Amino acid sequence: MQSRLDLLGAIVAHIIFISSIITFISRMIFKLRPGHWVGIPILLMAIPLVYLLIKAPANNRTFLYYVQLGSMLLWLVLLFLVDYVFKVDFRQTRWMVISYVMLYFAGAGGMIGIAAEAGRGWTTSAIILFLIAAVLAFVQRGVTGI
């Protein structure tokens, strides 16, 4: 059972990274605004992340595992609230953007750890996708200002 949960975690991590990459590229190419439907797949990853969190105690997960899942879930909740529910235009306020980006990278970095539970191949590909997403996050911000 634990190996299936590890695989689920790795797949979710990859979907988060790939969704982030698609979102950043779409913002640059198509000038999409935050809250566009292209971000829905990343929001849906909250469901399997909550499932992994629920199953964690039965699989003797470390405290770090909870922090990794929790930081991504926290960012997903924040993303949902600011971009889809309240449509808060905070991206021009430096301290808010810095806080938001720090939470994103904490969650995304944690997802590397979640993917690592499934093995070296998943870890390597997660790191590569994370680095691509990280570069695109800053390039997209520079190109679009959002």
N, C-alpha and C. Protein backbone atom coordinates (compact mmCIF):
# COMPACT_ATOMS: atom_id res chain seq x y z
N MET A 1 0.82 -1.20 0.00
CA MET A 1 0.00 0.00 0.00
C MET A 1 0.86 1.26 0.00
N GLN A 2 1.95 1.24 0.78
CA GLN A 2 2.80 2.42 0.87
C GLN A 2 3.42 2.76 -0.48
N SER A 3 3.82 1.74 -1.26
CA SER A 3 4.43 2.02 -2.55
C SER A 3 3.43 2.68 -3.51
N ARG A 4 2.15 2.31 -3.41
CA ARG A 4 1.13 2.96 -4.24
C ARG A 4 0.94 4.41 -3.81
N LEU A 5 1.00 4.67 -2.52
CA LEU A 5 0.89 6.05 -2.04
C LEU A 5 2.10 6.87 -2.48
N ASP A 6 3.28 6.25 -2.44
CA ASP A 6 4.49 6.93 -2.91
C ASP A 6 4.38 7.28 -4.39
N LEU A 7 3.86 6.35 -5.17
CA LEU A 7 3.66 6.59 -6.60
C LEU A 7 2.63 7.71 -6.82
N LEU A 8 1.56 7.68 -6.07
CA LEU A 8 0.56 8.74 -6.16
C LEU A 8 1.19 10.09 -5.86
N GLY A 9 1.99 10.16 -4.81
CA GLY A 9 2.66 11.41 -4.44
C GLY A 9 3.57 11.90 -5.55
N ALA A 10 4.30 10.98 -6.17
CA ALA A 10 5.21 11.36 -7.26
C ALA A 10 4.44 11.87 -8.46
N ILE A 11 3.35 11.21 -8.79
CA ILE A 11 2.53 11.65 -9.93
C ILE A 11 1.93 13.02 -9.66
N VAL A 12 1.42 13.22 -8.47
CA VAL A 12 0.85 14.52 -8.10
C VAL A 12 1.92 15.61 -8.19
N ALA A 13 3.10 15.33 -7.68
CA ALA A 13 4.19 16.31 -7.76
C ALA A 13 4.47 16.69 -9.21
N HIS A 14 4.52 15.70 -10.07
CA HIS A 14 4.79 15.97 -11.48
C HIS A 14 3.66 16.76 -12.14
N ILE A 15 2.43 16.45 -11.79
CA ILE A 15 1.30 17.21 -12.33
C ILE A 15 1.39 18.67 -11.87
N ILE A 16 1.76 18.88 -10.62
CA ILE A 16 1.91 20.25 -10.11
C ILE A 16 3.00 20.99 -10.89
N PHE A 17 4.14 20.35 -11.10
CA PHE A 17 5.23 21.00 -11.83
C PHE A 17 4.83 21.27 -13.28
N ILE A 18 4.26 20.28 -13.93
CA ILE A 18 3.87 20.44 -15.34
C ILE A 18 2.77 21.49 -15.47
N SER A 19 1.82 21.50 -14.56
CA SER A 19 0.76 22.52 -14.58
C SER A 19 1.34 23.91 -14.37
N SER A 20 2.32 24.02 -13.49
CA SER A 20 2.98 25.31 -13.27
C SER A 20 3.67 25.78 -14.55
N ILE A 21 4.38 24.87 -15.18
CA ILE A 21 5.09 25.20 -16.42
C ILE A 21 4.11 25.65 -17.49
N ILE A 22 3.02 24.92 -17.66
CA ILE A 22 2.01 25.29 -18.65
C ILE A 22 1.40 26.64 -18.33
N THR A 23 1.13 26.89 -17.06
CA THR A 23 0.56 28.18 -16.66
C THR A 23 1.51 29.32 -16.98
N PHE A 24 2.78 29.18 -16.62
CA PHE A 24 3.75 30.25 -16.87
C PHE A 24 3.91 30.51 -18.37
N ILE A 25 4.01 29.45 -19.15
CA ILE A 25 4.15 29.61 -20.60
C ILE A 25 2.89 30.24 -21.20
N SER A 26 1.72 29.81 -20.74
CA SER A 26 0.46 30.36 -21.24
C SER A 26 0.33 31.85 -20.92
N ARG A 27 0.79 32.24 -19.77
CA ARG A 27 0.75 33.67 -19.42
C ARG A 27 1.63 34.48 -20.35
N MET A 28 2.78 33.93 -20.72
CA MET A 28 3.68 34.66 -21.60
C MET A 28 3.17 34.69 -23.04
N ILE A 29 2.72 33.56 -23.53
CA ILE A 29 2.32 33.46 -24.94
C ILE A 29 0.93 34.06 -25.19
N PHE A 30 -0.02 33.69 -24.34
CA PHE A 30 -1.41 34.08 -24.57
C PHE A 30 -1.88 35.23 -23.69
N LYS A 31 -0.97 35.75 -22.86
CA LYS A 31 -1.29 36.89 -21.97
C LYS A 31 -2.47 36.56 -21.04
N LEU A 32 -2.53 35.33 -20.56
CA LEU A 32 -3.59 34.92 -19.65
C LEU A 32 -3.40 35.59 -18.30
N ARG A 33 -4.47 35.95 -17.66
CA ARG A 33 -4.46 36.56 -16.34
C ARG A 33 -4.58 35.46 -15.27
N PRO A 34 -4.17 35.76 -14.05
CA PRO A 34 -4.39 34.80 -12.96
C PRO A 34 -5.89 34.51 -12.81
N GLY A 35 -6.20 33.29 -12.43
CA GLY A 35 -7.58 32.89 -12.27
C GLY A 35 -8.18 32.29 -13.53
N HIS A 36 -7.36 32.08 -14.54
CA HIS A 36 -7.82 31.48 -15.80
C HIS A 36 -7.98 29.97 -15.60
N TRP A 37 -8.78 29.34 -16.46
CA TRP A 37 -9.04 27.91 -16.34
C TRP A 37 -7.78 27.07 -16.43
N VAL A 38 -6.73 27.59 -17.05
CA VAL A 38 -5.50 26.81 -17.21
C VAL A 38 -4.90 26.41 -15.85
N GLY A 39 -5.27 27.12 -14.79
CA GLY A 39 -4.77 26.80 -13.46
C GLY A 39 -5.59 25.77 -12.71
N ILE A 40 -6.68 25.34 -13.26
CA ILE A 40 -7.56 24.39 -12.57
C ILE A 40 -6.87 23.05 -12.27
N PRO A 41 -6.10 22.46 -13.19
CA PRO A 41 -5.47 21.17 -12.85
C PRO A 41 -4.59 21.23 -11.59
N ILE A 42 -3.89 22.32 -11.40
CA ILE A 42 -3.05 22.41 -10.21
C ILE A 42 -3.92 22.50 -8.95
N LEU A 43 -5.05 23.19 -9.04
CA LEU A 43 -5.95 23.26 -7.90
C LEU A 43 -6.53 21.90 -7.54
N LEU A 44 -6.82 21.11 -8.55
CA LEU A 44 -7.38 19.77 -8.32
C LEU A 44 -6.42 18.84 -7.59
N MET A 45 -5.14 19.17 -7.59
CA MET A 45 -4.16 18.33 -6.90
C MET A 45 -4.33 18.40 -5.39
N ALA A 46 -5.13 19.34 -4.91
CA ALA A 46 -5.42 19.40 -3.48
C ALA A 46 -6.11 18.12 -3.02
N ILE A 47 -6.92 17.54 -3.87
CA ILE A 47 -7.67 16.33 -3.49
C ILE A 47 -6.73 15.17 -3.17
N PRO A 48 -5.83 14.78 -4.08
CA PRO A 48 -4.93 13.68 -3.71
C PRO A 48 -3.95 14.07 -2.60
N LEU A 49 -3.61 15.35 -2.49
CA LEU A 49 -2.71 15.77 -1.40
C LEU A 49 -3.38 15.59 -0.05
N VAL A 50 -4.66 15.91 0.04
CA VAL A 50 -5.40 15.69 1.29
C VAL A 50 -5.47 14.19 1.58
N TYR A 51 -5.69 13.39 0.55
CA TYR A 51 -5.72 11.93 0.71
C TYR A 51 -4.38 11.43 1.26
N LEU A 52 -3.28 11.92 0.69
CA LEU A 52 -1.96 11.52 1.19
C LEU A 52 -1.76 11.95 2.64
N LEU A 53 -2.26 13.11 2.98
CA LEU A 53 -2.16 13.61 4.35
C LEU A 53 -2.95 12.72 5.31
N ILE A 54 -4.12 12.31 4.90
CA ILE A 54 -4.96 11.43 5.72
C ILE A 54 -4.30 10.07 5.92
N LYS A 55 -3.68 9.55 4.87
CA LYS A 55 -3.05 8.23 4.94
C LYS A 55 -1.66 8.25 5.60
N ALA A 56 -1.10 9.41 5.79
CA ALA A 56 0.27 9.52 6.32
C ALA A 56 0.47 8.86 7.68
N PRO A 57 -0.42 9.05 8.67
CA PRO A 57 -0.18 8.43 9.97
C PRO A 57 -0.09 6.90 9.91
N ALA A 58 -0.93 6.28 9.10
CA ALA A 58 -0.92 4.82 9.00
C ALA A 58 0.36 4.30 8.34
N ASN A 59 1.08 5.18 7.66
CA ASN A 59 2.31 4.78 6.98
C ASN A 59 3.55 5.32 7.66
N ASN A 60 3.40 5.75 8.91
CA ASN A 60 4.52 6.22 9.74
C ASN A 60 5.38 7.27 9.03
N ARG A 61 4.73 8.26 8.44
CA ARG A 61 5.47 9.33 7.76
C ARG A 61 6.14 10.25 8.77
N THR A 62 7.23 10.82 8.36
CA THR A 62 7.97 11.73 9.22
C THR A 62 7.27 13.08 9.30
N PHE A 63 7.69 13.88 10.26
CA PHE A 63 7.14 15.24 10.40
C PHE A 63 7.38 16.05 9.13
N LEU A 64 8.53 15.86 8.51
CA LEU A 64 8.86 16.58 7.29
C LEU A 64 7.84 16.31 6.18
N TYR A 65 7.38 15.09 6.08
CA TYR A 65 6.37 14.72 5.08
C TYR A 65 5.11 15.58 5.26
N TYR A 66 4.69 15.76 6.51
CA TYR A 66 3.51 16.59 6.79
C TYR A 66 3.78 18.05 6.42
N VAL A 67 4.97 18.53 6.69
CA VAL A 67 5.34 19.91 6.34
C VAL A 67 5.32 20.07 4.82
N GLN A 68 5.85 19.10 4.12
CA GLN A 68 5.90 19.16 2.65
C GLN A 68 4.48 19.20 2.06
N LEU A 69 3.63 18.29 2.49
CA LEU A 69 2.26 18.28 2.00
C LEU A 69 1.52 19.54 2.43
N GLY A 70 1.71 19.91 3.69
CA GLY A 70 1.00 21.07 4.25
C GLY A 70 1.36 22.37 3.56
N SER A 71 2.62 22.55 3.23
CA SER A 71 3.01 23.81 2.58
C SER A 71 2.41 23.91 1.18
N MET A 72 2.36 22.81 0.44
CA MET A 72 1.74 22.85 -0.89
C MET A 72 0.23 23.05 -0.75
N LEU A 73 -0.39 22.38 0.18
CA LEU A 73 -1.82 22.57 0.38
C LEU A 73 -2.15 24.00 0.79
N LEU A 74 -1.34 24.57 1.64
CA LEU A 74 -1.54 25.95 2.06
C LEU A 74 -1.45 26.89 0.85
N TRP A 75 -0.46 26.67 -0.01
CA TRP A 75 -0.33 27.51 -1.20
C TRP A 75 -1.52 27.32 -2.14
N LEU A 76 -1.98 26.08 -2.30
CA LEU A 76 -3.14 25.82 -3.16
C LEU A 76 -4.39 26.51 -2.64
N VAL A 77 -4.59 26.50 -1.34
CA VAL A 77 -5.73 27.20 -0.74
C VAL A 77 -5.60 28.70 -1.00
N LEU A 78 -4.41 29.24 -0.78
CA LEU A 78 -4.18 30.67 -1.03
C LEU A 78 -4.42 31.00 -2.50
N LEU A 79 -3.89 30.19 -3.40
CA LEU A 79 -4.09 30.38 -4.84
C LEU A 79 -5.58 30.42 -5.17
N PHE A 80 -6.32 29.46 -4.66
CA PHE A 80 -7.75 29.39 -4.91
C PHE A 80 -8.46 30.65 -4.41
N LEU A 81 -8.13 31.07 -3.21
CA LEU A 81 -8.79 32.24 -2.62
C LEU A 81 -8.47 33.53 -3.36
N VAL A 82 -7.18 33.79 -3.62
CA VAL A 82 -6.81 35.09 -4.21
C VAL A 82 -7.09 35.17 -5.69
N ASP A 83 -6.98 34.06 -6.43
CA ASP A 83 -7.15 34.12 -7.88
C ASP A 83 -8.54 33.71 -8.37
N TYR A 84 -9.22 32.85 -7.63
CA TYR A 84 -10.49 32.33 -8.12
C TYR A 84 -11.70 32.80 -7.32
N VAL A 85 -11.56 32.98 -6.03
CA VAL A 85 -12.71 33.37 -5.21
C VAL A 85 -12.80 34.89 -5.11
N PHE A 86 -11.77 35.51 -4.52
CA PHE A 86 -11.83 36.95 -4.26
C PHE A 86 -11.20 37.80 -5.37
N LYS A 87 -10.45 37.15 -6.25
CA LYS A 87 -9.78 37.83 -7.37
C LYS A 87 -9.02 39.07 -6.89
N VAL A 88 -8.15 38.85 -5.93
CA VAL A 88 -7.34 39.90 -5.33
C VAL A 88 -6.19 40.24 -6.26
N ASP A 89 -6.04 41.51 -6.58
CA ASP A 89 -4.95 41.96 -7.43
C ASP A 89 -3.78 42.39 -6.53
N PHE A 90 -3.01 41.42 -6.09
CA PHE A 90 -1.94 41.67 -5.13
C PHE A 90 -0.56 41.67 -5.78
N ARG A 91 -0.47 41.32 -7.03
CA ARG A 91 0.83 41.08 -7.65
C ARG A 91 1.65 42.33 -7.91
N GLN A 92 1.11 43.48 -7.61
CA GLN A 92 1.88 44.72 -7.74
C GLN A 92 2.39 45.21 -6.39
N THR A 93 2.04 44.49 -5.33
CA THR A 93 2.51 44.82 -3.98
C THR A 93 3.65 43.87 -3.64
N ARG A 94 4.85 44.43 -3.59
CA ARG A 94 6.06 43.63 -3.51
C ARG A 94 6.06 42.61 -2.36
N TRP A 95 5.74 43.03 -1.14
CA TRP A 95 5.81 42.10 -0.01
C TRP A 95 4.81 40.96 -0.16
N MET A 96 3.66 41.25 -0.78
CA MET A 96 2.67 40.20 -0.99
C MET A 96 3.16 39.19 -2.03
N VAL A 97 3.74 39.70 -3.09
CA VAL A 97 4.27 38.82 -4.14
C VAL A 97 5.40 37.96 -3.58
N ILE A 98 6.29 38.58 -2.83
CA ILE A 98 7.42 37.83 -2.26
C ILE A 98 6.90 36.72 -1.34
N SER A 99 5.93 37.04 -0.50
CA SER A 99 5.36 36.03 0.41
C SER A 99 4.70 34.90 -0.36
N TYR A 100 3.95 35.26 -1.38
CA TYR A 100 3.24 34.29 -2.21
C TYR A 100 4.23 33.37 -2.94
N VAL A 101 5.26 33.96 -3.52
CA VAL A 101 6.26 33.18 -4.26
C VAL A 101 7.06 32.29 -3.31
N MET A 102 7.38 32.81 -2.14
CA MET A 102 8.10 31.99 -1.16
C MET A 102 7.28 30.77 -0.76
N LEU A 103 5.98 30.97 -0.55
CA LEU A 103 5.12 29.84 -0.20
C LEU A 103 5.01 28.85 -1.36
N TYR A 104 4.93 29.37 -2.60
CA TYR A 104 4.90 28.49 -3.77
C TYR A 104 6.17 27.63 -3.82
N PHE A 105 7.33 28.27 -3.65
CA PHE A 105 8.57 27.51 -3.74
C PHE A 105 8.76 26.57 -2.55
N ALA A 106 8.24 26.92 -1.40
CA ALA A 106 8.28 26.00 -0.26
C ALA A 106 7.45 24.75 -0.58
N GLY A 107 6.25 24.98 -1.11
CA GLY A 107 5.38 23.87 -1.47
C GLY A 107 5.96 23.05 -2.61
N ALA A 108 6.46 23.72 -3.64
CA ALA A 108 7.03 23.01 -4.79
C ALA A 108 8.29 22.24 -4.38
N GLY A 109 9.12 22.85 -3.57
CA GLY A 109 10.30 22.15 -3.08
C GLY A 109 9.92 20.94 -2.26
N GLY A 110 8.87 21.09 -1.46
CA GLY A 110 8.38 19.97 -0.69
C GLY A 110 7.88 18.83 -1.57
N MET A 111 7.33 19.20 -2.72
CA MET A 111 6.85 18.17 -3.63
C MET A 111 7.99 17.35 -4.22
N ILE A 112 9.18 17.92 -4.27
CA ILE A 112 10.35 17.11 -4.66
C ILE A 112 10.54 16.01 -3.62
N GLY A 113 10.42 16.37 -2.36
CA GLY A 113 10.55 15.38 -1.29
C GLY A 113 9.48 14.31 -1.36
N ILE A 114 8.26 14.72 -1.70
CA ILE A 114 7.17 13.75 -1.83
C ILE A 114 7.47 12.80 -2.99
N ALA A 115 7.92 13.35 -4.11
CA ALA A 115 8.26 12.51 -5.27
C ALA A 115 9.42 11.57 -4.94
N ALA A 116 10.34 12.02 -4.10
CA ALA A 116 11.51 11.22 -3.76
C ALA A 116 11.13 9.92 -3.04
N GLU A 117 9.98 9.90 -2.40
CA GLU A 117 9.53 8.68 -1.73
C GLU A 117 9.34 7.53 -2.72
N ALA A 118 9.12 7.86 -4.01
CA ALA A 118 8.86 6.83 -5.02
C ALA A 118 10.13 6.34 -5.71
N GLY A 119 11.27 6.95 -5.41
CA GLY A 119 12.51 6.46 -5.98
C GLY A 119 13.32 7.51 -6.72
N ARG A 120 14.52 7.09 -7.11
CA ARG A 120 15.49 7.99 -7.73
C ARG A 120 15.02 8.59 -9.05
N GLY A 121 14.40 7.82 -9.91
CA GLY A 121 13.92 8.33 -11.20
C GLY A 121 12.89 9.42 -11.03
N TRP A 122 11.96 9.20 -10.11
CA TRP A 122 10.94 10.21 -9.83
C TRP A 122 11.59 11.46 -9.23
N THR A 123 12.59 11.27 -8.39
CA THR A 123 13.28 12.41 -7.79
C THR A 123 13.98 13.24 -8.86
N THR A 124 14.70 12.58 -9.73
CA THR A 124 15.44 13.28 -10.77
C THR A 124 14.50 14.07 -11.68
N SER A 125 13.45 13.44 -12.15
CA SER A 125 12.53 14.15 -13.03
C SER A 125 11.81 15.28 -12.30
N ALA A 126 11.50 15.09 -11.01
CA ALA A 126 10.86 16.16 -10.24
C ALA A 126 11.80 17.35 -10.09
N ILE A 127 13.07 17.10 -9.86
CA ILE A 127 14.04 18.19 -9.73
C ILE A 127 14.15 18.96 -11.04
N ILE A 128 14.22 18.24 -12.14
CA ILE A 128 14.32 18.89 -13.46
C ILE A 128 13.09 19.76 -13.72
N LEU A 129 11.90 19.21 -13.48
CA LEU A 129 10.67 19.97 -13.70
C LEU A 129 10.58 21.16 -12.75
N PHE A 130 11.00 20.97 -11.51
CA PHE A 130 11.02 22.08 -10.55
C PHE A 130 11.91 23.21 -11.05
N LEU A 131 13.09 22.87 -11.53
CA LEU A 131 14.02 23.91 -12.02
C LEU A 131 13.45 24.63 -13.24
N ILE A 132 12.81 23.90 -14.13
CA ILE A 132 12.17 24.54 -15.29
C ILE A 132 11.07 25.48 -14.82
N ALA A 133 10.23 25.01 -13.91
CA ALA A 133 9.15 25.86 -13.38
C ALA A 133 9.71 27.09 -12.67
N ALA A 134 10.78 26.91 -11.93
CA ALA A 134 11.38 28.03 -11.20
C ALA A 134 11.88 29.11 -12.16
N VAL A 135 12.59 28.69 -13.19
CA VAL A 135 13.09 29.65 -14.17
C VAL A 135 11.92 30.36 -14.86
N LEU A 136 10.93 29.58 -15.28
CA LEU A 136 9.78 30.15 -15.97
C LEU A 136 8.98 31.10 -15.07
N ALA A 137 8.92 30.82 -13.77
CA ALA A 137 8.20 31.70 -12.86
C ALA A 137 8.78 33.11 -12.90
N PHE A 138 10.10 33.19 -12.88
CA PHE A 138 10.74 34.50 -12.87
C PHE A 138 10.75 35.14 -14.26
N VAL A 139 10.93 34.34 -15.30
CA VAL A 139 10.88 34.88 -16.66
C VAL A 139 9.47 35.40 -16.94
N GLN A 140 8.46 34.63 -16.59
CA GLN A 140 7.08 35.04 -16.79
C GLN A 140 6.77 36.33 -16.05
N ARG A 141 7.24 36.44 -14.84
CA ARG A 141 7.03 37.68 -14.06
C ARG A 141 7.69 38.85 -14.76
N GLY A 142 8.89 38.65 -15.26
CA GLY A 142 9.59 39.71 -15.97
C GLY A 142 8.91 40.11 -17.26
N VAL A 143 8.36 39.13 -17.97
CA VAL A 143 7.71 39.40 -19.26
C VAL A 143 6.32 40.03 -19.07
N THR A 144 5.55 39.49 -18.13
CA THR A 144 4.15 39.91 -18.00
C THR A 144 3.90 40.90 -16.86
N GLY A 145 4.77 40.90 -15.86
CA GLY A 145 4.55 41.74 -14.69
C GLY A 145 3.55 41.18 -13.70
N ILE A 146 3.07 39.92 -13.95
CA ILE A 146 2.12 39.31 -13.01
C ILE A 146 2.66 38.00 -12.49
